[in-house]
């Protein structure tokens, strides 16, 4: 089953009717037009990454649940209004590793890779890359920019992390302080509808993947 206009209509419907009754009524359609084809995209991307010797695996098991964790989110909007999934070396969404991420949303969604609210241990090699091999890091930034991706540095520490105090004036100090550091790119609805999303995702993540593998 491929993505169709029905897929996007369901996402729009869920955004307008974010409640259990509507979700239950449309559960089978959501599975058919959203969840199952999304899992197929992750599986196809896994095979493509294997062909390129890139250790990233994804499947239905690495997709995010549509029902949010209501202990941390607004119970008035209990369901995600997008479909998302991770890819990492272990093929486990709970693995403490860098990830590639793919999201389908009503406007198209986005792809990316890197580290989300990561531990200091995981980010240590990334931070060392930035400050010890700044020229190489700059070349990486230029390569991903040419591929249409950009770096998002978020969730910053208030001060420089332990061991990096001497780099407070570094040109990429904001990247060093960030706990979330991802290379990302928006996706269009068209790439889901015509099936080109797998190739677009794999081609871009191949370029951006060094950010994932520069981790503990």
C-alpha atoms as a PDB file:
ATOM      1  CA  UNK A   1       0.000   0.000   0.000  1.00  0.00           C
ATOM      2  CA  UNK A   2       1.385   3.395  -1.031  1.00  0.00           C
ATOM      3  CA  UNK A   3       0.677   6.791   0.424  1.00  0.00           C
ATOM      4  CA  UNK A   4      -2.252   8.557  -1.189  1.00  0.00           C
ATOM      5  CA  UNK A   5      -4.260  11.719  -0.685  1.00  0.00           C
ATOM      6  CA  UNK A   6      -6.270   9.643   1.789  1.00  0.00           C
ATOM      7  CA  UNK A   7      -3.136   9.438   3.948  1.00  0.00           C
ATOM      8  CA  UNK A   8      -2.920  13.210   4.221  1.00  0.00           C
ATOM      9  CA  UNK A   9      -6.668  13.558   4.707  1.00  0.00           C
ATOM     10  CA  UNK A  10      -6.399  11.256   7.724  1.00  0.00           C
ATOM     11  CA  UNK A  11      -3.612  13.355   9.229  1.00  0.00           C
ATOM     12  CA  UNK A  12      -5.679  16.484   8.750  1.00  0.00           C
ATOM     13  CA  UNK A  13      -8.712  14.754  10.234  1.00  0.00           C
ATOM     14  CA  UNK A  14      -6.753  13.642  13.276  1.00  0.00           C
ATOM     15  CA  UNK A  15      -5.456  17.167  13.828  1.00  0.00           C
ATOM     16  CA  UNK A  16      -9.035  18.484  13.736  1.00  0.00           C
ATOM     17  CA  UNK A  17     -10.428  15.646  15.893  1.00  0.00           C
ATOM     18  CA  UNK A  18      -7.687  14.717  18.314  1.00  0.00           C
ATOM     19  CA  UNK A  19      -9.674  12.395  20.550  1.00  0.00           C
ATOM     20  CA  UNK A  20     -10.068   8.705  21.264  1.00  0.00           C
ATOM     21  CA  UNK A  21     -13.492   8.353  19.625  1.00  0.00           C
ATOM     22  CA  UNK A  22     -12.302   9.690  16.261  1.00  0.00           C
ATOM     23  CA  UNK A  23      -9.088   7.673  16.386  1.00  0.00           C
ATOM     24  CA  UNK A  24     -10.940   4.467  17.228  1.00  0.00           C
ATOM     25  CA  UNK A  25     -13.398   5.049  14.393  1.00  0.00           C
ATOM     26  CA  UNK A  26     -10.570   5.520  11.879  1.00  0.00           C
ATOM     27  CA  UNK A  27      -8.047   3.092  13.392  1.00  0.00           C
ATOM     28  CA  UNK A  28      -8.159   0.603  10.506  1.00  0.00           C
ATOM     29  CA  UNK A  29      -7.730   3.351   7.908  1.00  0.00           C
ATOM     30  CA  UNK A  30      -4.845   4.848   9.868  1.00  0.00           C
ATOM     31  CA  UNK A  31      -3.139   1.459   9.859  1.00  0.00           C
ATOM     32  CA  UNK A  32      -3.757   0.923   6.138  1.00  0.00           C
ATOM     33  CA  UNK A  33      -2.934   4.369   4.787  1.00  0.00           C
ATOM     34  CA  UNK A  34      -0.370   5.608   7.313  1.00  0.00           C
ATOM     35  CA  UNK A  35       1.271   3.090   9.627  1.00  0.00           C
ATOM     36  CA  UNK A  36       1.760   0.147   7.275  1.00  0.00           C
ATOM     37  CA  UNK A  37       3.198   2.131   4.350  1.00  0.00           C
ATOM     38  CA  UNK A  38       5.409   4.102   6.740  1.00  0.00           C
ATOM     39  CA  UNK A  39       6.844   0.874   8.149  1.00  0.00           C
ATOM     40  CA  UNK A  40       7.458  -0.260   4.554  1.00  0.00           C
ATOM     41  CA  UNK A  41       9.445   2.939   3.914  1.00  0.00           C
ATOM     42  CA  UNK A  42      11.667   2.248   6.933  1.00  0.00           C
ATOM     43  CA  UNK A  43      12.217  -1.331   5.798  1.00  0.00           C
ATOM     44  CA  UNK A  44      13.081  -0.222   2.249  1.00  0.00           C
ATOM     45  CA  UNK A  45      15.483   2.393   3.633  1.00  0.00           C
ATOM     46  CA  UNK A  46      17.115  -0.304   5.781  1.00  0.00           C
ATOM     47  CA  UNK A  47      17.869  -2.364   2.682  1.00  0.00           C
ATOM     48  CA  UNK A  48      19.248   0.663   0.860  1.00  0.00           C
ATOM     49  CA  UNK A  49      21.508   1.524   3.800  1.00  0.00           C
ATOM     50  CA  UNK A  50      22.797  -2.071   3.840  1.00  0.00           C
ATOM     51  CA  UNK A  51      23.719  -1.725   0.157  1.00  0.00           C
ATOM     52  CA  UNK A  52      25.742   1.364   1.068  1.00  0.00           C
ATOM     53  CA  UNK A  53      27.340  -0.216   4.170  1.00  0.00           C
ATOM     54  CA  UNK A  54      25.599   2.248   6.485  1.00  0.00           C
ATOM     55  CA  UNK A  55      24.571   0.663   9.777  1.00  0.00           C
ATOM     56  CA  UNK A  56      21.042   2.025  10.186  1.00  0.00           C
ATOM     57  CA  UNK A  57      17.989  -0.161  10.723  1.00  0.00           C
ATOM     58  CA  UNK A  58      14.312   0.713  11.046  1.00  0.00           C
ATOM     59  CA  UNK A  59      10.973  -1.071  10.984  1.00  0.00           C
ATOM     60  CA  UNK A  60       7.522  -0.970  12.541  1.00  0.00           C
ATOM     61  CA  UNK A  61       9.295  -1.609  15.860  1.00  0.00           C
ATOM     62  CA  UNK A  62      11.166   1.714  15.657  1.00  0.00           C
ATOM     63  CA  UNK A  63       8.098   3.823  14.898  1.00  0.00           C
ATOM     64  CA  UNK A  64       6.756   6.212  17.512  1.00  0.00           C
ATOM     65  CA  UNK A  65       3.383   5.361  19.019  1.00  0.00           C
ATOM     66  CA  UNK A  66       0.507   7.534  17.857  1.00  0.00           C
ATOM     67  CA  UNK A  67      -0.786   7.748  21.418  1.00  0.00           C
ATOM     68  CA  UNK A  68       1.423  10.149  23.331  1.00  0.00           C
ATOM     69  CA  UNK A  69       2.774   9.610  26.810  1.00  0.00           C
ATOM     70  CA  UNK A  70       0.076  11.572  28.629  1.00  0.00           C
ATOM     71  CA  UNK A  71       2.269  11.930  31.711  1.00  0.00           C
ATOM     72  CA  UNK A  72       4.415  14.346  29.685  1.00  0.00           C
ATOM     73  CA  UNK A  73       1.950  15.771  27.164  1.00  0.00           C
ATOM     74  CA  UNK A  74      -1.320  17.661  27.116  1.00  0.00           C
ATOM     75  CA  UNK A  75      -4.114  15.079  27.626  1.00  0.00           C
ATOM     76  CA  UNK A  76      -6.402  17.340  25.576  1.00  0.00           C
ATOM     77  CA  UNK A  77      -4.404  16.249  22.495  1.00  0.00           C
ATOM     78  CA  UNK A  78      -3.629  12.598  23.216  1.00  0.00           C
ATOM     79  CA  UNK A  79      -2.496  11.553  19.715  1.00  0.00           C
ATOM     80  CA  UNK A  80       0.412  12.555  17.530  1.00  0.00           C
ATOM     81  CA  UNK A  81      -0.756  14.263  14.362  1.00  0.00           C
ATOM     82  CA  UNK A  82       2.247  12.949  12.449  1.00  0.00           C
ATOM     83  CA  UNK A  83       3.843   9.549  11.899  1.00  0.00           C
ATOM     84  CA  UNK A  84       7.462   9.208  12.930  1.00  0.00           C
ATOM     85  CA  UNK A  85      10.150   6.573  13.080  1.00  0.00           C
ATOM     86  CA  UNK A  86      13.797   6.156  14.039  1.00  0.00           C
ATOM     87  CA  UNK A  87      16.683   4.305  12.450  1.00  0.00           C
ATOM     88  CA  UNK A  88      19.841   3.383  14.323  1.00  0.00           C
ATOM     89  CA  UNK A  89      22.483   0.616  14.400  1.00  0.00           C
ATOM     90  CA  UNK A  90      20.517  -1.648  16.728  1.00  0.00           C
ATOM     91  CA  UNK A  91      17.097  -1.131  15.176  1.00  0.00           C
ATOM     92  CA  UNK A  92      15.752  -0.353  18.647  1.00  0.00           C
ATOM     93  CA  UNK A  93      13.920   2.906  19.339  1.00  0.00           C
ATOM     94  CA  UNK A  94      15.048   2.731  22.972  1.00  0.00           C
ATOM     95  CA  UNK A  95      18.732   2.377  22.088  1.00  0.00           C
ATOM     96  CA  UNK A  96      20.988   5.081  23.491  1.00  0.00           C
ATOM     97  CA  UNK A  97      22.525   6.073  20.171  1.00  0.00           C
ATOM     98  CA  UNK A  98      22.411   8.667  17.471  1.00  0.00           C
ATOM     99  CA  UNK A  99      19.442   8.246  15.169  1.00  0.00           C
ATOM    100  CA  UNK A 100      18.138   9.041  11.746  1.00  0.00           C
ATOM    101  CA  UNK A 101      14.552  10.268  11.918  1.00  0.00           C
ATOM    102  CA  UNK A 102      11.740  10.380   9.405  1.00  0.00           C
ATOM    103  CA  UNK A 103       8.411  12.140   9.900  1.00  0.00           C
ATOM    104  CA  UNK A 104       5.274  12.188   7.783  1.00  0.00           C
ATOM    105  CA  UNK A 105       3.001  15.156   8.488  1.00  0.00           C
ATOM    106  CA  UNK A 106       0.087  16.885   6.794  1.00  0.00           C
ATOM    107  CA  UNK A 107       2.495  19.421   5.255  1.00  0.00           C
ATOM    108  CA  UNK A 108       5.001  16.740   4.231  1.00  0.00           C
ATOM    109  CA  UNK A 109       7.093  16.411   7.375  1.00  0.00           C
ATOM    110  CA  UNK A 110      10.882  16.265   7.675  1.00  0.00           C
ATOM    111  CA  UNK A 111      13.939  14.045   7.825  1.00  0.00           C
ATOM    112  CA  UNK A 112      17.012  14.357   9.964  1.00  0.00           C
ATOM    113  CA  UNK A 113      19.751  12.669  11.910  1.00  0.00           C
ATOM    114  CA  UNK A 114      21.858  13.319  14.942  1.00  0.00           C
ATOM    115  CA  UNK A 115      21.316  13.438  18.683  1.00  0.00           C
ATOM    116  CA  UNK A 116      18.205  14.365  20.692  1.00  0.00           C
ATOM    117  CA  UNK A 117      18.669  15.512  24.298  1.00  0.00           C
ATOM    118  CA  UNK A 118      21.699  13.286  24.494  1.00  0.00           C
ATOM    119  CA  UNK A 119      23.908  12.472  27.445  1.00  0.00           C
ATOM    120  CA  UNK A 120      27.313  14.067  27.937  1.00  0.00           C
ATOM    121  CA  UNK A 121      28.914  10.662  27.353  1.00  0.00           C
ATOM    122  CA  UNK A 122      27.283  10.249  23.956  1.00  0.00           C
ATOM    123  CA  UNK A 123      28.036  13.824  22.899  1.00  0.00           C
ATOM    124  CA  UNK A 124      31.675  13.842  24.039  1.00  0.00           C
ATOM    125  CA  UNK A 125      33.065  12.547  20.675  1.00  0.00           C
ATOM    126  CA  UNK A 126      30.848  14.953  18.733  1.00  0.00           C
ATOM    127  CA  UNK A 127      32.020  17.887  20.812  1.00  0.00           C
ATOM    128  CA  UNK A 128      35.643  16.796  20.401  1.00  0.00           C
ATOM    129  CA  UNK A 129      35.136  16.611  16.645  1.00  0.00           C
ATOM    130  CA  UNK A 130      33.839  20.183  16.638  1.00  0.00           C
ATOM    131  CA  UNK A 131      36.678  21.709  18.667  1.00  0.00           C
ATOM    132  CA  UNK A 132      39.615  19.464  17.685  1.00  0.00           C
ATOM    133  CA  UNK A 133      38.793  19.073  13.978  1.00  0.00           C
ATOM    134  CA  UNK A 134      37.012  22.333  13.277  1.00  0.00           C
ATOM    135  CA  UNK A 135      38.063  22.436   9.624  1.00  0.00           C
ATOM    136  CA  UNK A 136      36.658  18.933   9.058  1.00  0.00           C
ATOM    137  CA  UNK A 137      33.461  19.906  10.879  1.00  0.00           C
ATOM    138  CA  UNK A 138      33.100  22.985   8.683  1.00  0.00           C
ATOM    139  CA  UNK A 139      33.505  20.837   5.571  1.00  0.00           C
ATOM    140  CA  UNK A 140      30.766  18.588   6.931  1.00  0.00           C
ATOM    141  CA  UNK A 141      28.485  21.591   7.444  1.00  0.00           C
ATOM    142  CA  UNK A 142      29.139  22.716   3.864  1.00  0.00           C
ATOM    143  CA  UNK A 143      28.375  19.240   2.504  1.00  0.00           C
ATOM    144  CA  UNK A 144      25.052  18.913   4.292  1.00  0.00           C
ATOM    145  CA  UNK A 145      24.090  22.466   3.325  1.00  0.00           C
ATOM    146  CA  UNK A 146      24.717  21.590  -0.316  1.00  0.00           C
ATOM    147  CA  UNK A 147      22.389  18.606   0.187  1.00  0.00           C
ATOM    148  CA  UNK A 148      19.669  20.901   1.511  1.00  0.00           C
ATOM    149  CA  UNK A 149      20.087  20.124   5.205  1.00  0.00           C
ATOM    150  CA  UNK A 150      20.857  22.479   8.049  1.00  0.00           C
ATOM    151  CA  UNK A 151      22.120  22.028  11.581  1.00  0.00           C
ATOM    152  CA  UNK A 152      19.735  22.682  14.445  1.00  0.00           C
ATOM    153  CA  UNK A 153      21.468  23.169  17.813  1.00  0.00           C
ATOM    154  CA  UNK A 154      18.907  23.093  20.616  1.00  0.00           C
ATOM    155  CA  UNK A 155      18.433  22.398  24.348  1.00  0.00           C
ATOM    156  CA  UNK A 156      21.650  24.242  25.267  1.00  0.00           C
ATOM    157  CA  UNK A 157      23.466  23.889  28.548  1.00  0.00           C
ATOM    158  CA  UNK A 158      23.715  27.124  30.518  1.00  0.00           C
ATOM    159  CA  UNK A 159      27.494  26.863  30.510  1.00  0.00           C
ATOM    160  CA  UNK A 160      30.051  24.968  28.440  1.00  0.00           C
ATOM    161  CA  UNK A 161      30.090  21.238  29.222  1.00  0.00           C
ATOM    162  CA  UNK A 162      32.715  19.766  31.508  1.00  0.00           C
ATOM    163  CA  UNK A 163      36.062  19.621  29.765  1.00  0.00           C
ATOM    164  CA  UNK A 164      35.153  22.309  27.228  1.00  0.00           C
ATOM    165  CA  UNK A 165      35.343  25.492  29.305  1.00  0.00           C
ATOM    166  CA  UNK A 166      38.348  26.708  27.304  1.00  0.00           C
ATOM    167  CA  UNK A 167      36.209  26.745  24.146  1.00  0.00           C
ATOM    168  CA  UNK A 168      33.607  29.257  25.279  1.00  0.00           C
ATOM    169  CA  UNK A 169      34.739  31.611  22.520  1.00  0.00           C
ATOM    170  CA  UNK A 170      34.794  28.939  19.823  1.00  0.00           C
ATOM    171  CA  UNK A 171      32.891  29.827  16.637  1.00  0.00           C
ATOM    172  CA  UNK A 172      30.681  26.762  17.159  1.00  0.00           C
ATOM    173  CA  UNK A 173      30.339  27.080  20.922  1.00  0.00           C
ATOM    174  CA  UNK A 174      26.552  26.929  20.547  1.00  0.00           C
ATOM    175  CA  UNK A 175      26.920  23.510  18.897  1.00  0.00           C
ATOM    176  CA  UNK A 176      29.170  22.342  21.732  1.00  0.00           C
ATOM    177  CA  UNK A 177      26.667  23.460  24.389  1.00  0.00           C
ATOM    178  CA  UNK A 178      23.693  21.877  22.609  1.00  0.00           C
ATOM    179  CA  UNK A 179      22.183  18.665  23.946  1.00  0.00           C
ATOM    180  CA  UNK A 180      20.205  18.327  20.706  1.00  0.00           C
ATOM    181  CA  UNK A 181      22.269  18.547  17.537  1.00  0.00           C
ATOM    182  CA  UNK A 182      20.601  17.421  14.331  1.00  0.00           C
ATOM    183  CA  UNK A 183      20.970  17.848  10.589  1.00  0.00           C
ATOM    184  CA  UNK A 184      17.478  18.226   9.145  1.00  0.00           C
ATOM    185  CA  UNK A 185      15.556  18.927   5.967  1.00  0.00           C
ATOM    186  CA  UNK A 186      11.823  19.391   5.254  1.00  0.00           C
ATOM    187  CA  UNK A 187       9.944  16.931   3.050  1.00  0.00           C
ATOM    188  CA  UNK A 188       7.204  17.628   0.530  1.00  0.00           C
ATOM    189  CA  UNK A 189       3.900  15.794   0.198  1.00  0.00           C
ATOM    190  CA  UNK A 190       4.897  14.941  -3.365  1.00  0.00           C
ATOM    191  CA  UNK A 191       7.814  12.692  -2.370  1.00  0.00           C
ATOM    192  CA  UNK A 192       5.466  10.517  -0.287  1.00  0.00           C
ATOM    193  CA  UNK A 193       2.860  10.332  -3.020  1.00  0.00           C
ATOM    194  CA  UNK A 194       5.272   9.448  -5.831  1.00  0.00           C
ATOM    195  CA  UNK A 195       7.376   7.058  -3.738  1.00  0.00           C
ATOM    196  CA  UNK A 196      10.615   9.018  -4.013  1.00  0.00           C
ATOM    197  CA  UNK A 197      10.794   9.530  -0.241  1.00  0.00           C
ATOM    198  CA  UNK A 198      12.999   6.449   0.274  1.00  0.00           C
ATOM    199  CA  UNK A 199      15.653   7.625  -2.170  1.00  0.00           C
ATOM    200  CA  UNK A 200      15.531  11.195  -0.919  1.00  0.00           C
ATOM    201  CA  UNK A 201      15.861  10.049   2.689  1.00  0.00           C
ATOM    202  CA  UNK A 202      18.698   7.594   2.087  1.00  0.00           C
ATOM    203  CA  UNK A 203      20.687   9.936  -0.172  1.00  0.00           C
ATOM    204  CA  UNK A 204      20.565  12.802   2.336  1.00  0.00           C
ATOM    205  CA  UNK A 205      21.148  10.714   5.448  1.00  0.00           C
ATOM    206  CA  UNK A 206      24.183   9.097   3.811  1.00  0.00           C
ATOM    207  CA  UNK A 207      25.716  12.579   3.609  1.00  0.00           C
ATOM    208  CA  UNK A 208      24.640  13.609   7.119  1.00  0.00           C
ATOM    209  CA  UNK A 209      25.395  10.275   8.854  1.00  0.00           C
ATOM    210  CA  UNK A 210      28.849  11.232  10.221  1.00  0.00           C
ATOM    211  CA  UNK A 211      27.014  13.198  12.901  1.00  0.00           C
ATOM    212  CA  UNK A 212      25.334   9.976  14.077  1.00  0.00           C
ATOM    213  CA  UNK A 213      28.470   7.882  14.196  1.00  0.00           C
ATOM    214  CA  UNK A 214      30.568  10.501  15.970  1.00  0.00           C
ATOM    215  CA  UNK A 215      29.147   9.297  19.271  1.00  0.00           C
ATOM    216  CA  UNK A 216      30.116   6.976  22.091  1.00  0.00           C
END
